[in-house]
Amino acid sequence: MPVTKLPNRLYYFPKPNRWQKGIGSELPEAYKKFWHEWKLRTPTAVHYIPEEGKYKWDEHQQTVLPVQNIPLPLRFPKEQDYGIWGGEAIVQGYRKKGKYRMKVAKFWVPTLRRSVVYSEILDTHMKTTITMRTIDLIHEHYGFDHYLLKTPACDLKSLLAVKLKREILIALADKTLYPHDPEKREEVYNKYKDYLSAYTREEIEWYGLSYKDAVKKWIAIKEPLEKPEPFKIRYRSELIAELKAAKIAEAMDADVERPSESWIAKINPFSKTPKTE
């Protein structure tokens, strides 16, 4: 009987991602939740109008066709992280100038402008690069703070926007807004406090961080807990314990971290300038 070949899929081993191997697997679930909202969640369609339903009637072909909402190929340059573009990006496509001419590559860049936005919670004016869609969204949400707090990270997209949202959430959670005006603090806090119900304090702490910043934060938290004890401190403590057990007077008041130079230098054979009595 002929031997049937198994499909290649059975021999496929998925490549481990950053969350399954290395320090990324140690990051807390609070940051992984933010990363999923920021990078993996499907953003709102900006450059095309999605069609509803599963099928549609095509007038040109006089037949029923399936609905295919295929996103346009977009490019997000690094400059986007320094502004708030409202979900817009560089659209990549082609342009055909004539019937018998070849298509040429074309990039449609959004119109950018320098403007100033105001955060009522942070009580700060900020100059940044925005688009007209960002201005329309701010007006639609009745303020810059409402726009950031209501919009998920996948639609904010830029690192600047998610970091500002993190600062706003921290100011609300810790009630550090308007430190010199208690009445204004309570007024603004009561206006925006409902947004805190969607987050825990730990999720707010890890919200809005890039992967590099999250790794640095995790290392700073983890390093003091796993810092090994130097051998010199361990051996020194054992030596002092033995000297105290032998009732050596000079060792009675000795400190492990800061040894007394008056007696430890005398018994240190590696001392550059050994002291003699």
Protein backbone atom coordinates (compact mmCIF):
# COMPACT_ATOMS: atom_id res chain seq x y z
CA MET A 1 0.00 0.00 0.00
CA PRO A 2 1.32 3.47 -0.77
CA VAL A 3 2.39 5.49 2.22
CA THR A 4 0.31 8.60 2.60
CA LYS A 5 2.24 11.75 3.36
CA LEU A 6 1.20 13.70 6.39
CA PRO A 7 0.46 17.36 5.83
CA ASN A 8 3.29 19.72 6.63
CA ARG A 9 1.08 21.41 9.20
CA LEU A 10 1.67 18.50 11.59
CA TYR A 11 5.36 19.31 11.62
CA TYR A 12 4.83 23.01 12.21
CA PHE A 13 6.13 24.37 15.49
CA PRO A 14 5.07 27.96 16.13
CA LYS A 15 7.86 30.35 16.90
CA PRO A 16 7.73 31.52 20.53
CA ASN A 17 6.74 35.15 20.87
CA ARG A 18 7.89 37.73 23.38
CA TRP A 19 5.22 36.67 25.88
CA GLN A 20 6.23 33.00 25.97
CA LYS A 21 9.99 33.28 26.35
CA GLY A 22 12.40 35.61 28.11
CA ILE A 23 11.59 38.57 30.30
CA GLY A 24 8.38 39.26 28.39
CA SER A 25 6.81 36.14 29.91
CA GLU A 26 7.43 37.61 33.39
CA LEU A 27 5.60 40.87 32.77
CA PRO A 28 2.34 41.21 34.75
CA GLU A 29 -1.04 40.50 33.21
CA ALA A 30 -1.95 44.17 33.64
CA TYR A 31 0.61 45.16 31.01
CA LYS A 32 -0.33 42.29 28.69
CA LYS A 33 -3.92 43.51 28.81
CA PHE A 34 -2.83 46.98 27.73
CA TRP A 35 -0.62 45.56 24.96
CA HIS A 36 -3.54 43.59 23.58
CA GLU A 37 -5.68 46.74 23.56
CA TRP A 38 -2.90 48.77 21.94
CA LYS A 39 -1.38 46.44 19.35
CA LEU A 40 -3.67 43.45 18.79
CA ARG A 41 -7.18 44.86 18.98
CA THR A 42 -8.79 45.78 15.65
CA PRO A 43 -8.89 49.59 15.35
CA THR A 44 -11.81 51.60 14.07
CA ALA A 45 -11.87 51.96 10.28
CA VAL A 46 -10.66 55.45 9.34
CA HIS A 47 -9.70 55.37 5.66
CA TYR A 48 -12.66 53.36 4.36
CA ILE A 49 -16.33 52.84 5.22
CA PRO A 50 -16.95 49.23 6.31
CA GLU A 51 -20.03 47.54 4.88
CA GLU A 52 -22.49 45.77 7.15
CA GLY A 53 -23.81 42.25 6.71
CA LYS A 54 -22.31 39.17 5.09
CA TYR A 55 -23.59 39.56 1.52
CA LYS A 56 -24.47 42.40 -0.84
CA TRP A 57 -26.10 42.84 -4.25
CA ASP A 58 -23.70 43.97 -6.95
CA GLU A 59 -25.50 46.10 -9.55
CA HIS A 60 -22.67 45.88 -12.08
CA GLN A 61 -22.44 42.07 -12.12
CA GLN A 62 -26.11 41.50 -11.23
CA THR A 63 -25.22 38.92 -8.62
CA VAL A 64 -24.80 38.44 -4.88
CA LEU A 65 -21.28 38.85 -3.57
CA PRO A 66 -19.84 38.34 -0.09
CA VAL A 67 -18.97 41.46 1.89
CA GLN A 68 -15.21 41.82 2.29
CA ASN A 69 -14.06 44.62 4.57
CA ILE A 70 -10.35 44.49 3.77
CA PRO A 71 -8.33 47.25 5.52
CA LEU A 72 -6.18 49.46 3.35
CA PRO A 73 -2.39 48.96 3.59
CA LEU A 74 -1.22 51.62 6.04
CA ARG A 75 2.15 52.79 7.23
CA PHE A 76 2.77 54.26 10.68
CA PRO A 77 6.03 56.23 10.78
CA LYS A 78 7.92 56.82 14.00
CA GLU A 79 6.97 60.52 13.84
CA GLN A 80 3.42 59.47 14.68
CA ASP A 81 4.48 58.65 18.25
CA TYR A 82 5.30 62.33 18.81
CA GLY A 83 1.86 63.57 17.78
CA ILE A 84 -1.84 62.72 17.97
CA TRP A 85 -3.11 61.82 14.51
CA GLY A 86 -6.57 60.55 15.49
CA GLY A 87 -6.04 57.12 13.91
CA GLU A 88 -4.88 58.45 10.55
CA ALA A 89 -1.79 57.05 8.84
CA ILE A 90 0.05 57.06 5.52
CA VAL A 91 -2.02 55.20 2.91
CA GLN A 92 -0.01 53.08 0.53
CA GLY A 93 -1.39 52.47 -2.95
CA TYR A 94 -0.95 52.96 -6.70
CA ARG A 95 -1.98 55.53 -9.25
CA LYS A 96 -2.58 54.87 -12.94
CA LYS A 97 -2.24 57.98 -15.09
CA GLY A 98 -3.49 56.46 -18.31
CA LYS A 99 -5.12 53.42 -19.87
CA TYR A 100 -1.89 52.19 -21.45
CA ARG A 101 0.49 53.31 -18.72
CA MET A 102 1.91 51.33 -15.86
CA LYS A 103 0.81 51.91 -12.31
CA VAL A 104 3.14 53.92 -10.11
CA ALA A 105 3.43 53.79 -6.34
CA LYS A 106 1.59 56.52 -4.45
CA PHE A 107 1.49 57.47 -0.75
CA TRP A 108 -1.26 59.65 0.68
CA VAL A 109 -0.01 61.52 3.74
CA PRO A 110 -2.49 63.13 6.17
CA THR A 111 -2.41 66.89 6.54
CA LEU A 112 -0.52 67.67 9.75
CA ARG A 113 -0.54 70.91 11.68
CA ARG A 114 0.93 72.22 14.91
CA SER A 115 -1.69 73.06 17.48
CA VAL A 116 -2.27 73.34 21.23
CA VAL A 117 -4.49 71.01 23.25
CA TYR A 118 -5.62 71.55 26.83
CA SER A 119 -6.07 68.90 29.52
CA GLU A 120 -8.48 69.95 32.25
CA ILE A 121 -7.36 67.14 34.57
CA LEU A 122 -3.65 67.92 34.25
CA ASP A 123 -4.38 71.66 33.93
CA THR A 124 -1.77 71.88 31.17
CA HIS A 125 -1.58 73.25 27.63
CA MET A 126 0.46 71.09 25.25
CA LYS A 127 1.76 71.91 21.78
CA THR A 128 1.80 68.90 19.48
CA THR A 129 1.19 67.73 15.91
CA ILE A 130 -2.42 66.83 15.14
CA THR A 131 -4.76 66.30 12.20
CA MET A 132 -8.15 67.76 11.44
CA ARG A 133 -9.72 64.44 12.40
CA THR A 134 -8.16 64.78 15.86
CA ILE A 135 -9.74 68.21 16.26
CA ASP A 136 -13.11 66.87 15.14
CA LEU A 137 -12.86 63.98 17.62
CA ILE A 138 -11.96 66.32 20.49
CA HIS A 139 -15.03 68.47 19.70
CA GLU A 140 -17.18 65.37 19.29
CA HIS A 141 -16.17 64.14 22.77
CA TYR A 142 -16.55 67.60 24.33
CA GLY A 143 -12.95 67.96 25.42
CA PHE A 144 -9.45 66.54 25.12
CA ASP A 145 -9.67 64.53 28.35
CA HIS A 146 -12.95 62.88 27.36
CA TYR A 147 -11.44 62.01 23.99
CA LEU A 148 -8.42 60.26 25.52
CA LEU A 149 -10.39 58.47 28.23
CA LYS A 150 -13.14 57.20 25.92
CA THR A 151 -10.89 56.13 23.05
CA PRO A 152 -9.13 52.72 23.25
CA ALA A 153 -5.38 52.55 22.79
CA CYS A 154 -5.67 50.92 19.35
CA ASP A 155 -7.42 54.05 18.03
CA LEU A 156 -5.11 56.52 19.82
CA LYS A 157 -2.21 54.60 18.30
CA SER A 158 0.60 57.04 19.16
CA LEU A 159 2.85 56.59 22.17
CA LEU A 160 2.32 60.23 23.18
CA ALA A 161 -1.45 59.78 23.36
CA VAL A 162 -1.36 56.62 25.49
CA LYS A 163 1.23 58.15 27.85
CA LEU A 164 -0.96 61.22 28.32
CA LYS A 165 -3.90 58.93 29.02
CA ARG A 166 -1.80 57.13 31.64
CA GLU A 167 -0.91 60.40 33.38
CA ILE A 168 -4.57 61.41 33.39
CA LEU A 169 -5.65 58.08 34.88
CA ILE A 170 -2.94 58.25 37.57
CA ALA A 171 -3.96 61.81 38.48
CA LEU A 172 -7.57 60.66 38.85
CA ALA A 173 -6.75 57.48 40.77
CA ASP A 174 -4.41 59.25 43.23
CA LYS A 175 -6.41 62.51 43.25
CA THR A 176 -3.26 64.57 42.66
CA LEU A 177 -5.01 67.05 40.37
CA TYR A 178 -5.15 70.70 41.43
CA PRO A 179 -3.10 70.28 44.64
CA HIS A 180 -3.57 73.93 45.67
CA ASP A 181 -7.30 74.16 44.94
CA PRO A 182 -9.38 71.53 46.82
CA GLU A 183 -12.72 72.79 45.47
CA LYS A 184 -11.57 72.62 41.86
CA ARG A 185 -10.04 69.19 42.54
CA GLU A 186 -13.36 67.76 43.73
CA GLU A 187 -15.25 69.37 40.85
CA VAL A 188 -12.95 67.95 38.17
CA TYR A 189 -12.64 64.57 39.91
CA ASN A 190 -16.40 64.11 40.12
CA LYS A 191 -16.63 65.00 36.44
CA TYR A 192 -14.26 62.23 35.28
CA LYS A 193 -14.27 59.65 38.09
CA ASP A 194 -16.57 57.23 36.22
CA TYR A 195 -13.72 56.37 33.86
CA LEU A 196 -11.80 54.72 36.72
CA SER A 197 -14.32 51.87 36.92
CA ALA A 198 -12.78 50.26 33.82
CA TYR A 199 -9.32 49.89 35.38
CA THR A 200 -7.66 48.60 38.52
CA ARG A 201 -4.82 50.54 40.12
CA GLU A 202 -2.30 48.00 38.85
CA GLU A 203 -3.63 48.26 35.29
CA ILE A 204 -3.32 52.05 35.44
CA GLU A 205 0.28 51.72 36.64
CA TRP A 206 1.22 49.63 33.59
CA TYR A 207 -1.01 51.45 31.10
CA GLY A 208 0.60 53.51 28.34
CA LEU A 209 4.11 52.07 28.62
CA SER A 210 6.05 50.90 25.60
CA TYR A 211 7.50 47.40 25.73
CA LYS A 212 10.97 48.80 26.45
CA ASP A 213 9.68 50.99 29.30
CA ALA A 214 7.68 48.08 30.74
CA VAL A 215 10.77 45.86 30.77
CA LYS A 216 12.80 48.58 32.52
CA LYS A 217 10.04 49.03 35.08
CA TRP A 218 9.83 45.29 35.73
CA ILE A 219 13.62 44.99 36.12
CA ALA A 220 13.63 47.89 38.59
CA ILE A 221 10.96 46.10 40.64
CA LYS A 222 12.53 42.66 40.39
CA GLU A 223 16.20 43.53 40.86
CA PRO A 224 16.12 44.43 44.58
CA LEU A 225 14.16 41.25 45.36
CA GLU A 226 16.67 38.97 43.63
CA LYS A 227 19.86 40.84 44.39
CA PRO A 228 22.42 38.22 45.52
CA GLU A 229 24.33 38.75 48.72
CA PRO A 230 28.03 39.43 48.04
CA PHE A 231 30.42 36.76 49.29
CA LYS A 232 32.45 39.32 51.19
CA ILE A 233 29.44 40.20 53.36
CA ARG A 234 28.60 36.56 54.00
CA TYR A 235 32.19 35.61 54.87
CA ARG A 236 32.60 38.74 56.95
CA SER A 237 29.45 37.97 58.94
CA GLU A 238 30.66 34.40 59.54
CA LEU A 239 34.04 35.71 60.70
CA ILE A 240 32.48 38.25 63.06
CA ALA A 241 30.16 35.56 64.46
CA GLU A 242 33.16 33.30 65.18
CA LEU A 243 35.11 36.16 66.78
CA LYS A 244 32.13 37.08 68.94
CA ALA A 245 31.76 33.42 69.95
CA ALA A 246 35.44 33.49 70.98
CA LYS A 247 34.67 36.64 73.01
CA ILE A 248 37.10 38.89 71.15
CA ALA A 249 36.55 42.33 72.58
CA GLU A 250 37.28 44.19 69.33
CA ALA A 251 34.54 42.26 67.48
CA MET A 252 31.73 42.84 69.96
CA ASP A 253 30.65 46.18 68.45
CA ALA A 254 31.56 45.33 64.83
CA ASP A 255 29.07 45.91 62.02
CA VAL A 256 28.74 43.47 59.13
CA GLU A 257 28.01 46.12 56.50
CA ARG A 258 30.58 48.64 57.77
CA PRO A 259 33.38 46.79 59.51
CA SER A 260 35.51 48.56 62.03
CA GLU A 261 38.77 49.49 60.35
CA SER A 262 40.54 49.52 63.70
CA TRP A 263 40.55 45.73 64.01
CA ILE A 264 39.60 44.23 60.63
CA ALA A 265 42.64 45.75 58.92
CA LYS A 266 44.90 44.04 61.41
CA ILE A 267 43.78 40.53 60.45
CA ASN A 268 43.37 41.25 56.70
CA PRO A 269 46.39 39.66 54.98
CA PHE A 270 45.57 41.44 51.69
CA SER A 271 45.62 44.93 53.16
CA LYS A 272 47.95 47.29 51.32
CA THR A 273 49.06 49.05 54.48
CA PRO A 274 48.72 46.57 57.33
CA LYS A 275 48.62 48.20 60.70
CA THR A 276 50.93 47.02 63.45
CA GLU A 277 50.64 47.70 67.10
